[in-house]
Amino acid sequence: MTPHFQLVHLTGLILEDQSELRLDDLCRACTAQAERIVELVDEGLLTPAGTAPGEWRFTGVHLHRARVALRLERDLGVNLAGAALALELLDELEVLRARVLRLEASGR
């Protein structure tokens, strides 16, 4: 029996740290209501530039963090405090991995 493969065309948007998203842009990208994003900011999961929701500007990093937090909440039932802890641990893991790569590259 011959396996059947289907080609799938994927599209996406690559956002860098310097990209700026407004609140409504972030909401669309995360398929979330503005109130949910405000909760993420209030919990400290996101730290946008600007002082009020209408002035907030988010980066691609914020988009990634918001998606992860919302997915943890939706799929695993993790509350926002738990999502904040998970994101903090993921950030620390990323730093440690980068450190290991630097040490391996320097031959230590």
PDB file of N, CA and C in Angstrom:
ATOM      1  N   MET A   1       0.835  -1.170   0.000  1.00  0.00           N
ATOM      2  CA  MET A   1       0.000   0.000   0.000  1.00  0.00           C
ATOM      3  C   MET A   1       0.888   1.245   0.000  1.00  0.00           C
ATOM      4  N   THR A   2       0.623   2.143  -0.881  1.00  0.00           N
ATOM      5  CA  THR A   2       1.414   3.360  -1.009  1.00  0.00           C
ATOM      6  C   THR A   2       0.860   4.439  -0.095  1.00  0.00           C
ATOM      7  N   PRO A   3       1.728   5.070   0.717  1.00  0.00           N
ATOM      8  CA  PRO A   3       1.226   6.142   1.580  1.00  0.00           C
ATOM      9  C   PRO A   3       0.823   7.357   0.749  1.00  0.00           C
ATOM     10  N   HIS A   4      -0.186   8.026   1.200  1.00  0.00           N
ATOM     11  CA  HIS A   4      -0.658   9.226   0.514  1.00  0.00           C
ATOM     12  C   HIS A   4      -0.186  10.441   1.296  1.00  0.00           C
ATOM     13  N   PHE A   5       0.421  11.357   0.596  1.00  0.00           N
ATOM     14  CA  PHE A   5       0.887  12.586   1.214  1.00  0.00           C
ATOM     15  C   PHE A   5       0.121  13.750   0.622  1.00  0.00           C
ATOM     16  N   GLN A   6      -0.126  14.699   1.456  1.00  0.00           N
ATOM     17  CA  GLN A   6      -0.824  15.893   1.001  1.00  0.00           C
ATOM     18  C   GLN A   6       0.074  17.093   1.268  1.00  0.00           C
ATOM     19  N   LEU A   7       0.287  17.882   0.238  1.00  0.00           N
ATOM     20  CA  LEU A   7       1.061  19.102   0.412  1.00  0.00           C
ATOM     21  C   LEU A   7       0.176  20.157   1.050  1.00  0.00           C
ATOM     22  N   VAL A   8       0.704  20.783   2.051  1.00  0.00           N
ATOM     23  CA  VAL A   8      -0.039  21.828   2.740  1.00  0.00           C
ATOM     24  C   VAL A   8       0.748  23.116   2.597  1.00  0.00           C
ATOM     25  N   HIS A   9       0.094  24.142   2.143  1.00  0.00           N
ATOM     26  CA  HIS A   9       0.737  25.452   2.013  1.00  0.00           C
ATOM     27  C   HIS A   9       0.528  26.217   3.317  1.00  0.00           C
ATOM     28  N   LEU A  10       1.630  26.527   3.969  1.00  0.00           N
ATOM     29  CA  LEU A  10       1.566  27.252   5.228  1.00  0.00           C
ATOM     30  C   LEU A  10       1.914  28.710   4.995  1.00  0.00           C
ATOM     31  N   THR A  11       1.175  29.569   5.642  1.00  0.00           N
ATOM     32  CA  THR A  11       1.504  30.984   5.596  1.00  0.00           C
ATOM     33  C   THR A  11       1.604  31.479   7.019  1.00  0.00           C
ATOM     34  N   GLY A  12       2.367  32.506   7.199  1.00  0.00           N
ATOM     35  CA  GLY A  12       2.512  33.048   8.541  1.00  0.00           C
ATOM     36  C   GLY A  12       3.149  34.412   8.474  1.00  0.00           C
ATOM     37  N   LEU A  13       3.219  35.015   9.607  1.00  0.00           N
ATOM     38  CA  LEU A  13       3.794  36.333   9.737  1.00  0.00           C
ATOM     39  C   LEU A  13       4.921  36.244  10.742  1.00  0.00           C
ATOM     40  N   ILE A  14       6.093  36.695  10.354  1.00  0.00           N
ATOM     41  CA  ILE A  14       7.231  36.694  11.257  1.00  0.00           C
ATOM     42  C   ILE A  14       7.369  38.093  11.827  1.00  0.00           C
ATOM     43  N   LEU A  15       7.310  38.169  13.134  1.00  0.00           N
ATOM     44  CA  LEU A  15       7.437  39.453  13.801  1.00  0.00           C
ATOM     45  C   LEU A  15       8.709  39.469  14.609  1.00  0.00           C
ATOM     46  N   GLU A  16       9.437  40.534  14.502  1.00  0.00           N
ATOM     47  CA  GLU A  16      10.654  40.679  15.263  1.00  0.00           C
ATOM     48  C   GLU A  16      10.365  41.444  16.541  1.00  0.00           C
ATOM     49  N   ASP A  17      11.375  41.522  17.372  1.00  0.00           N
ATOM     50  CA  ASP A  17      11.247  42.266  18.620  1.00  0.00           C
ATOM     51  C   ASP A  17      10.873  43.716  18.368  1.00  0.00           C
ATOM     52  N   GLN A  18      11.298  44.268  17.240  1.00  0.00           N
ATOM     53  CA  GLN A  18      11.061  45.669  16.966  1.00  0.00           C
ATOM     54  C   GLN A  18       9.675  45.947  16.378  1.00  0.00           C
ATOM     55  N   SER A  19       8.962  44.920  15.943  1.00  0.00           N
ATOM     56  CA  SER A  19       7.630  45.111  15.375  1.00  0.00           C
ATOM     57  C   SER A  19       6.705  45.682  16.433  1.00  0.00           C
ATOM     58  N   GLU A  20       5.843  46.575  16.000  1.00  0.00           N
ATOM     59  CA  GLU A  20       4.888  47.160  16.941  1.00  0.00           C
ATOM     60  C   GLU A  20       3.475  46.768  16.569  1.00  0.00           C
ATOM     61  N   LEU A  21       2.786  46.226  17.546  1.00  0.00           N
ATOM     62  CA  LEU A  21       1.386  45.855  17.391  1.00  0.00           C
ATOM     63  C   LEU A  21       0.557  46.675  18.362  1.00  0.00           C
ATOM     64  N   ARG A  22      -0.561  47.148  17.897  1.00  0.00           N
ATOM     65  CA  ARG A  22      -1.509  47.807  18.801  1.00  0.00           C
ATOM     66  C   ARG A  22      -2.332  46.724  19.499  1.00  0.00           C
ATOM     67  N   LEU A  23      -3.098  47.137  20.485  1.00  0.00           N
ATOM     68  CA  LEU A  23      -3.927  46.191  21.239  1.00  0.00           C
ATOM     69  C   LEU A  23      -4.847  45.412  20.311  1.00  0.00           C
ATOM     70  N   ASP A  24      -5.512  46.088  19.394  1.00  0.00           N
ATOM     71  CA  ASP A  24      -6.430  45.377  18.498  1.00  0.00           C
ATOM     72  C   ASP A  24      -5.694  44.417  17.567  1.00  0.00           C
ATOM     73  N   ASP A  25      -4.465  44.766  17.165  1.00  0.00           N
ATOM     74  CA  ASP A  25      -3.665  43.852  16.350  1.00  0.00           C
ATOM     75  C   ASP A  25      -3.336  42.578  17.132  1.00  0.00           C
ATOM     76  N   LEU A  26      -2.931  42.768  18.383  1.00  0.00           N
ATOM     77  CA  LEU A  26      -2.589  41.622  19.230  1.00  0.00           C
ATOM     78  C   LEU A  26      -3.818  40.755  19.471  1.00  0.00           C
ATOM     79  N   CYS A  27      -4.946  41.384  19.694  1.00  0.00           N
ATOM     80  CA  CYS A  27      -6.190  40.625  19.903  1.00  0.00           C
ATOM     81  C   CYS A  27      -6.508  39.760  18.689  1.00  0.00           C
ATOM     82  N   ARG A  28      -6.397  40.335  17.503  1.00  0.00           N
ATOM     83  CA  ARG A  28      -6.661  39.558  16.287  1.00  0.00           C
ATOM     84  C   ARG A  28      -5.673  38.405  16.141  1.00  0.00           C
ATOM     85  N   ALA A  29      -4.397  38.691  16.382  1.00  0.00           N
ATOM     86  CA  ALA A  29      -3.366  37.662  16.224  1.00  0.00           C
ATOM     87  C   ALA A  29      -3.538  36.520  17.218  1.00  0.00           C
ATOM     88  N   CYS A  30      -4.090  36.824  18.387  1.00  0.00           N
ATOM     89  CA  CYS A  30      -4.288  35.810  19.433  1.00  0.00           C
ATOM     90  C   CYS A  30      -5.708  35.271  19.461  1.00  0.00           C
ATOM     91  N   THR A  31      -6.561  35.801  18.620  1.00  0.00           N
ATOM     92  CA  THR A  31      -7.998  35.513  18.665  1.00  0.00           C
ATOM     93  C   THR A  31      -8.522  35.607  20.097  1.00  0.00           C
ATOM     94  N   ALA A  32      -8.259  36.753  20.696  1.00  0.00           N
ATOM     95  CA  ALA A  32      -8.665  36.995  22.082  1.00  0.00           C
ATOM     96  C   ALA A  32      -9.335  38.359  22.183  1.00  0.00           C
ATOM     97  N   GLN A  33     -10.210  38.489  23.146  1.00  0.00           N
ATOM     98  CA  GLN A  33     -10.845  39.766  23.426  1.00  0.00           C
ATOM     99  C   GLN A  33      -9.844  40.698  24.106  1.00  0.00           C
ATOM    100  N   ALA A  34     -10.047  41.986  23.961  1.00  0.00           N
ATOM    101  CA  ALA A  34      -9.153  42.973  24.566  1.00  0.00           C
ATOM    102  C   ALA A  34      -9.080  42.785  26.081  1.00  0.00           C
ATOM    103  N   GLU A  35     -10.176  42.397  26.698  1.00  0.00           N
ATOM    104  CA  GLU A  35     -10.191  42.201  28.150  1.00  0.00           C
ATOM    105  C   GLU A  35      -9.194  41.131  28.579  1.00  0.00           C
ATOM    106  N   ARG A  36      -9.045  40.099  27.751  1.00  0.00           N
ATOM    107  CA  ARG A  36      -8.102  39.021  28.076  1.00  0.00           C
ATOM    108  C   ARG A  36      -6.665  39.539  28.022  1.00  0.00           C
ATOM    109  N   ILE A  37      -6.366  40.356  27.016  1.00  0.00           N
ATOM    110  CA  ILE A  37      -5.022  40.915  26.894  1.00  0.00           C
ATOM    111  C   ILE A  37      -4.747  41.865  28.056  1.00  0.00           C
ATOM    112  N   VAL A  38      -5.747  42.648  28.433  1.00  0.00           N
ATOM    113  CA  VAL A  38      -5.597  43.551  29.582  1.00  0.00           C
ATOM    114  C   VAL A  38      -5.295  42.738  30.841  1.00  0.00           C
ATOM    115  N   GLU A  39      -5.945  41.599  30.998  1.00  0.00           N
ATOM    116  CA  GLU A  39      -5.672  40.730  32.146  1.00  0.00           C
ATOM    117  C   GLU A  39      -4.224  40.229  32.124  1.00  0.00           C
ATOM    118  N   LEU A  40      -3.715  39.896  30.935  1.00  0.00           N
ATOM    119  CA  LEU A  40      -2.333  39.450  30.822  1.00  0.00           C
ATOM    120  C   LEU A  40      -1.364  40.569  31.218  1.00  0.00           C
ATOM    121  N   VAL A  41      -1.697  41.786  30.841  1.00  0.00           N
ATOM    122  CA  VAL A  41      -0.862  42.931  31.215  1.00  0.00           C
ATOM    123  C   VAL A  41      -0.954  43.156  32.722  1.00  0.00           C
ATOM    124  N   ASP A  42      -2.173  43.105  33.266  1.00  0.00           N
ATOM    125  CA  ASP A  42      -2.358  43.308  34.710  1.00  0.00           C
ATOM    126  C   ASP A  42      -1.614  42.258  35.530  1.00  0.00           C
ATOM    127  N   GLU A  43      -1.533  41.051  35.005  1.00  0.00           N
ATOM    128  CA  GLU A  43      -0.854  39.959  35.710  1.00  0.00           C
ATOM    129  C   GLU A  43       0.663  40.044  35.555  1.00  0.00           C
ATOM    130  N   GLY A  44       1.127  40.914  34.658  1.00  0.00           N
ATOM    131  CA  GLY A  44       2.556  41.066  34.446  1.00  0.00           C
ATOM    132  C   GLY A  44       3.130  40.145  33.389  1.00  0.00           C
ATOM    133  N   LEU A  45       2.265  39.424  32.689  1.00  0.00           N
ATOM    134  CA  LEU A  45       2.723  38.531  31.628  1.00  0.00           C
ATOM    135  C   LEU A  45       3.210  39.301  30.416  1.00  0.00           C
ATOM    136  N   LEU A  46       2.621  40.450  30.172  1.00  0.00           N
ATOM    137  CA  LEU A  46       3.003  41.310  29.064  1.00  0.00           C
ATOM    138  C   LEU A  46       3.311  42.697  29.609  1.00  0.00           C
ATOM    139  N   THR A  47       4.327  43.323  29.067  1.00  0.00           N
ATOM    140  CA  THR A  47       4.692  44.680  29.490  1.00  0.00           C
ATOM    141  C   THR A  47       4.819  45.565  28.258  1.00  0.00           C
ATOM    142  N   PRO A  48       3.694  46.034  27.753  1.00  0.00           N
ATOM    143  CA  PRO A  48       3.736  46.842  26.532  1.00  0.00           C
ATOM    144  C   PRO A  48       4.315  48.231  26.784  1.00  0.00           C
ATOM    145  N   ALA A  49       4.781  48.853  25.709  1.00  0.00           N
ATOM    146  CA  ALA A  49       5.161  50.257  25.781  1.00  0.00           C
ATOM    147  C   ALA A  49       3.867  51.064  25.777  1.00  0.00           C
ATOM    148  N   GLY A  50       3.868  52.184  26.478  1.00  0.00           N
ATOM    149  CA  GLY A  50       2.669  53.021  26.555  1.00  0.00           C
ATOM    150  C   GLY A  50       2.023  52.906  27.914  1.00  0.00           C
ATOM    151  N   THR A  51       1.208  53.908  28.250  1.00  0.00           N
ATOM    152  CA  THR A  51       0.635  53.950  29.597  1.00  0.00           C
ATOM    153  C   THR A  51      -0.820  53.529  29.663  1.00  0.00           C
ATOM    154  N   ALA A  52      -1.523  53.538  28.562  1.00  0.00           N
ATOM    155  CA  ALA A  52      -2.948  53.186  28.557  1.00  0.00           C
ATOM    156  C   ALA A  52      -3.217  52.228  27.405  1.00  0.00           C
ATOM    157  N   PRO A  53      -4.263  51.401  27.510  1.00  0.00           N
ATOM    158  CA  PRO A  53      -4.536  50.418  26.451  1.00  0.00           C
ATOM    159  C   PRO A  53      -4.558  51.005  25.044  1.00  0.00           C
ATOM    160  N   GLY A  54      -5.076  52.194  24.871  1.00  0.00           N
ATOM    161  CA  GLY A  54      -5.101  52.805  23.543  1.00  0.00           C
ATOM    162  C   GLY A  54      -3.729  53.200  23.037  1.00  0.00           C
ATOM    163  N   GLU A  55      -2.758  53.311  23.938  1.00  0.00           N
ATOM    164  CA  GLU A  55      -1.394  53.697  23.572  1.00  0.00           C
ATOM    165  C   GLU A  55      -0.433  52.512  23.573  1.00  0.00           C
ATOM    166  N   TRP A  56      -0.876  51.366  24.083  1.00  0.00           N
ATOM    167  CA  TRP A  56       0.010  50.217  24.200  1.00  0.00           C
ATOM    168  C   TRP A  56       0.554  49.798  22.846  1.00  0.00           C
ATOM    169  N   ARG A  57       1.835  49.399  22.858  1.00  0.00           N
ATOM    170  CA  ARG A  57       2.478  48.824  21.680  1.00  0.00           C
ATOM    171  C   ARG A  57       3.171  47.547  22.121  1.00  0.00           C
ATOM    172  N   PHE A  58       2.903  46.490  21.378  1.00  0.00           N
ATOM    173  CA  PHE A  58       3.425  45.166  21.688  1.00  0.00           C
ATOM    174  C   PHE A  58       4.418  44.742  20.612  1.00  0.00           C
ATOM    175  N   THR A  59       5.299  43.819  20.956  1.00  0.00           N
ATOM    176  CA  THR A  59       6.274  43.273  20.012  1.00  0.00           C
ATOM    177  C   THR A  59       5.903  41.839  19.659  1.00  0.00           C
ATOM    178  N   GLY A  60       6.694  41.265  18.776  1.00  0.00           N
ATOM    179  CA  GLY A  60       6.516  39.854  18.436  1.00  0.00           C
ATOM    180  C   GLY A  60       6.725  38.950  19.640  1.00  0.00           C
ATOM    181  N   VAL A  61       7.605  39.351  20.538  1.00  0.00           N
ATOM    182  CA  VAL A  61       7.824  38.580  21.772  1.00  0.00           C
ATOM    183  C   VAL A  61       6.549  38.582  22.613  1.00  0.00           C
ATOM    184  N   HIS A  62       5.901  39.729  22.711  1.00  0.00           N
ATOM    185  CA  HIS A  62       4.634  39.805  23.452  1.00  0.00           C
ATOM    186  C   HIS A  62       3.584  38.893  22.823  1.00  0.00           C
ATOM    187  N   LEU A  63       3.545  38.886  21.498  1.00  0.00           N
ATOM    188  CA  LEU A  63       2.592  38.028  20.796  1.00  0.00           C
ATOM    189  C   LEU A  63       2.827  36.570  21.167  1.00  0.00           C
ATOM    190  N   HIS A  64       4.073  36.147  21.131  1.00  0.00           N
ATOM    191  CA  HIS A  64       4.402  34.757  21.486  1.00  0.00           C
ATOM    192  C   HIS A  64       3.993  34.458  22.931  1.00  0.00           C
ATOM    193  N   ARG A  65       4.350  35.354  23.850  1.00  0.00           N
ATOM    194  CA  ARG A  65       4.022  35.149  25.272  1.00  0.00           C
ATOM    195  C   ARG A  65       2.508  35.086  25.482  1.00  0.00           C
ATOM    196  N   ALA A  66       1.777  35.965  24.812  1.00  0.00           N
ATOM    197  CA  ALA A  66       0.319  35.964  24.954  1.00  0.00           C
ATOM    198  C   ALA A  66      -0.272  34.661  24.447  1.00  0.00           C
ATOM    199  N   ARG A  67       0.198  34.206  23.307  1.00  0.00           N
ATOM    200  CA  ARG A  67      -0.320  32.949  22.751  1.00  0.00           C
ATOM    201  C   ARG A  67      -0.034  31.772  23.676  1.00  0.00           C
ATOM    202  N   VAL A  68       1.171  31.719  24.215  1.00  0.00           N
ATOM    203  CA  VAL A  68       1.527  30.625  25.127  1.00  0.00           C
ATOM    204  C   VAL A  68       0.653  30.677  26.376  1.00  0.00           C
ATOM    205  N   ALA A  69       0.506  31.855  26.962  1.00  0.00           N
ATOM    206  CA  ALA A  69      -0.295  31.997  28.184  1.00  0.00           C
ATOM    207  C   ALA A  69      -1.752  31.609  27.933  1.00  0.00           C
ATOM    208  N   LEU A  70      -2.312  32.078  26.841  1.00  0.00           N
ATOM    209  CA  LEU A  70      -3.706  31.761  26.531  1.00  0.00           C
ATOM    210  C   LEU A  70      -3.878  30.274  26.231  1.00  0.00           C
ATOM    211  N   ARG A  71      -2.883  29.671  25.577  1.00  0.00           N
ATOM    212  CA  ARG A  71      -2.956  28.232  25.298  1.00  0.00           C
ATOM    213  C   ARG A  71      -2.843  27.419  26.583  1.00  0.00           C
ATOM    214  N   LEU A  72      -1.955  27.814  27.494  1.00  0.00           N
ATOM    215  CA  LEU A  72      -1.842  27.118  28.779  1.00  0.00           C
ATOM    216  C   LEU A  72      -3.165  27.175  29.533  1.00  0.00           C
ATOM    217  N   GLU A  73      -3.771  28.338  29.498  1.00  0.00           N
ATOM    218  CA  GLU A  73      -5.053  28.503  30.191  1.00  0.00           C
ATOM    219  C   GLU A  73      -6.151  27.664  29.538  1.00  0.00           C
ATOM    220  N   ARG A  74      -6.233  27.753  28.213  1.00  0.00           N
ATOM    221  CA  ARG A  74      -7.297  27.051  27.488  1.00  0.00           C
ATOM    222  C   ARG A  74      -7.110  25.536  27.508  1.00  0.00           C
ATOM    223  N   ASP A  75      -5.918  25.074  27.176  1.00  0.00           N
ATOM    224  CA  ASP A  75      -5.697  23.641  26.997  1.00  0.00           C
ATOM    225  C   ASP A  75      -5.439  22.888  28.298  1.00  0.00           C
ATOM    226  N   LEU A  76      -4.793  23.557  29.249  1.00  0.00           N
ATOM    227  CA  LEU A  76      -4.407  22.866  30.483  1.00  0.00           C
ATOM    228  C   LEU A  76      -5.134  23.371  31.722  1.00  0.00           C
ATOM    229  N   GLY A  77      -5.938  24.408  31.566  1.00  0.00           N
ATOM    230  CA  GLY A  77      -6.673  24.935  32.715  1.00  0.00           C
ATOM    231  C   GLY A  77      -5.790  25.678  33.704  1.00  0.00           C
ATOM    232  N   VAL A  78      -4.631  26.145  33.245  1.00  0.00           N
ATOM    233  CA  VAL A  78      -3.710  26.876  34.113  1.00  0.00           C
ATOM    234  C   VAL A  78      -4.238  28.298  34.300  1.00  0.00           C
ATOM    235  N   ASN A  79      -4.230  28.795  35.538  1.00  0.00           N
ATOM    236  CA  ASN A  79      -4.665  30.171  35.752  1.00  0.00           C
ATOM    237  C   ASN A  79      -3.552  31.131  35.342  1.00  0.00           C
ATOM    238  N   LEU A  80      -3.841  32.431  35.349  1.00  0.00           N
ATOM    239  CA  LEU A  80      -2.863  33.401  34.874  1.00  0.00           C
ATOM    240  C   LEU A  80      -1.591  33.417  35.718  1.00  0.00           C
ATOM    241  N   ALA A  81      -1.721  33.236  37.021  1.00  0.00           N
ATOM    242  CA  ALA A  81      -0.533  33.184  37.878  1.00  0.00           C
ATOM    243  C   ALA A  81       0.326  31.977  37.505  1.00  0.00           C
ATOM    244  N   GLY A  82      -0.297  30.852  37.231  1.00  0.00           N
ATOM    245  CA  GLY A  82       0.429  29.660  36.807  1.00  0.00           C
ATOM    246  C   GLY A  82       1.070  29.854  35.440  1.00  0.00           C
ATOM    247  N   ALA A  83       0.368  30.534  34.538  1.00  0.00           N
ATOM    248  CA  ALA A  83       0.923  30.825  33.219  1.00  0.00           C
ATOM    249  C   ALA A  83       2.129  31.745  33.348  1.00  0.00           C
ATOM    250  N   ALA A  84       2.050  32.713  34.264  1.00  0.00           N
ATOM    251  CA  ALA A  84       3.176  33.624  34.487  1.00  0.00           C
ATOM    252  C   ALA A  84       4.393  32.838  34.966  1.00  0.00           C
ATOM    253  N   LEU A  85       4.181  31.928  35.879  1.00  0.00           N
ATOM    254  CA  LEU A  85       5.278  31.092  36.379  1.00  0.00           C
ATOM    255  C   LEU A  85       5.850  30.224  35.267  1.00  0.00           C
ATOM    256  N   ALA A  86       4.988  29.618  34.470  1.00  0.00           N
ATOM    257  CA  ALA A  86       5.448  28.770  33.372  1.00  0.00           C
ATOM    258  C   ALA A  86       6.268  29.581  32.371  1.00  0.00           C
ATOM    259  N   LEU A  87       5.822  30.784  32.048  1.00  0.00           N
ATOM    260  CA  LEU A  87       6.567  31.624  31.114  1.00  0.00           C
ATOM    261  C   LEU A  87       7.914  32.046  31.694  1.00  0.00           C
ATOM    262  N   GLU A  88       7.938  32.326  32.982  1.00  0.00           N
ATOM    263  CA  GLU A  88       9.199  32.673  33.643  1.00  0.00           C
ATOM    264  C   GLU A  88      10.175  31.503  33.567  1.00  0.00           C
ATOM    265  N   LEU A  89       9.682  30.308  33.800  1.00  0.00           N
ATOM    266  CA  LEU A  89      10.538  29.118  33.721  1.00  0.00           C
ATOM    267  C   LEU A  89      11.000  28.850  32.292  1.00  0.00           C
ATOM    268  N   LEU A  90      10.129  29.077  31.319  1.00  0.00           N
ATOM    269  CA  LEU A  90      10.518  28.904  29.921  1.00  0.00           C
ATOM    270  C   LEU A  90      11.581  29.926  29.530  1.00  0.00           C
ATOM    271  N   ASP A  91      11.439  31.157  30.020  1.00  0.00           N
ATOM    272  CA  ASP A  91      12.458  32.182  29.758  1.00  0.00           C
ATOM    273  C   ASP A  91      13.799  31.771  30.351  1.00  0.00           C
ATOM    274  N   GLU A  92      13.767  31.264  31.577  1.00  0.00           N
ATOM    275  CA  GLU A  92      15.000  30.838  32.239  1.00  0.00           C
ATOM    276  C   GLU A  92      15.629  29.657  31.499  1.00  0.00           C
ATOM    277  N   LEU A  93      14.805  28.743  31.030  1.00  0.00           N
ATOM    278  CA  LEU A  93      15.298  27.609  30.263  1.00  0.00           C
ATOM    279  C   LEU A  93      15.992  28.080  28.986  1.00  0.00           C
ATOM    280  N   GLU A  94      15.415  29.063  28.329  1.00  0.00           N
ATOM    281  CA  GLU A  94      16.020  29.610  27.114  1.00  0.00           C
ATOM    282  C   GLU A  94      17.382  30.242  27.407  1.00  0.00           C
ATOM    283  N   VAL A  95      17.477  30.968  28.507  1.00  0.00           N
ATOM    284  CA  VAL A  95      18.750  31.582  28.905  1.00  0.00           C
ATOM    285  C   VAL A  95      19.793  30.500  29.191  1.00  0.00           C
ATOM    286  N   LEU A  96      19.387  29.461  29.891  1.00  0.00           N
ATOM    287  CA  LEU A  96      20.319  28.376  30.221  1.00  0.00           C
ATOM    288  C   LEU A  96      20.780  27.632  28.975  1.00  0.00           C
ATOM    289  N   ARG A  97      19.869  27.414  28.039  1.00  0.00           N
ATOM    290  CA  ARG A  97      20.254  26.746  26.791  1.00  0.00           C
ATOM    291  C   ARG A  97      21.265  27.586  26.014  1.00  0.00           C
ATOM    292  N   ALA A  98      21.038  28.895  25.966  1.00  0.00           N
ATOM    293  CA  ALA A  98      21.976  29.784  25.278  1.00  0.00           C
ATOM    294  C   ALA A  98      23.331  29.756  25.965  1.00  0.00           C
ATOM    295  N   ARG A  99      23.321  29.685  27.269  1.00  0.00           N
ATOM    296  CA  ARG A  99      24.574  29.630  28.033  1.00  0.00           C
ATOM    297  C   ARG A  99      25.335  28.334  27.734  1.00  0.00           C
ATOM    298  N   VAL A 100      24.628  27.229  27.679  1.00  0.00           N
ATOM    299  CA  VAL A 100      25.258  25.949  27.358  1.00  0.00           C
ATOM    300  C   VAL A 100      25.854  26.000  25.953  1.00  0.00           C
ATOM    301  N   LEU A 101      25.135  26.561  25.007  1.00  0.00           N
ATOM    302  CA  LEU A 101      25.659  26.657  23.635  1.00  0.00           C
ATOM    303  C   LEU A 101      26.922  27.506  23.593  1.00  0.00           C
ATOM    304  N   ARG A 102      26.941  28.609  24.341  1.00  0.00           N
ATOM    305  CA  ARG A 102      28.138  29.459  24.384  1.00  0.00           C
ATOM    306  C   ARG A 102      29.316  28.700  25.004  1.00  0.00           C
ATOM    307  N   LEU A 103      29.043  27.964  26.075  1.00  0.00           N
ATOM    308  CA  LEU A 103      30.110  27.205  26.713  1.00  0.00           C
ATOM    309  C   LEU A 103      30.639  26.102  25.804  1.00  0.00           C
ATOM    310  N   GLU A 104      29.739  25.428  25.111  1.00  0.00           N
ATOM    311  CA  GLU A 104      30.160  24.377  24.179  1.00  0.00           C
ATOM    312  C   GLU A 104      30.977  24.970  23.039  1.00  0.00           C
ATOM    313  N   ALA A 105      30.580  26.136  22.566  1.00  0.00           N
ATOM    314  CA  ALA A 105      31.298  26.777  21.464  1.00  0.00           C
ATOM    315  C   ALA A 105      32.689  27.248  21.890  1.00  0.00           C
ATOM    316  N   SER A 106      32.829  27.606  23.166  1.00  0.00           N
ATOM    317  CA  SER A 106      34.138  28.075  23.630  1.00  0.00           C
ATOM    318  C   SER A 106      35.033  26.916  24.066  1.00  0.00           C
ATOM    319  N   GLY A 107      34.496  25.704  24.062  1.00  0.00           N
ATOM    320  CA  GLY A 107      35.290  24.524  24.404  1.00  0.00           C
ATOM    321  C   GLY A 107      35.462  24.276  25.864  1.00  0.00           C
ATOM    322  N   ARG A 108      34.625  24.831  26.684  1.00  0.00           N
ATOM    323  CA  ARG A 108      34.745  24.633  28.145  1.00  0.00           C
ATOM    324  C   ARG A 108      33.906  23.505  28.611  1.00  0.00           C
TER     325      ARG A 108
END
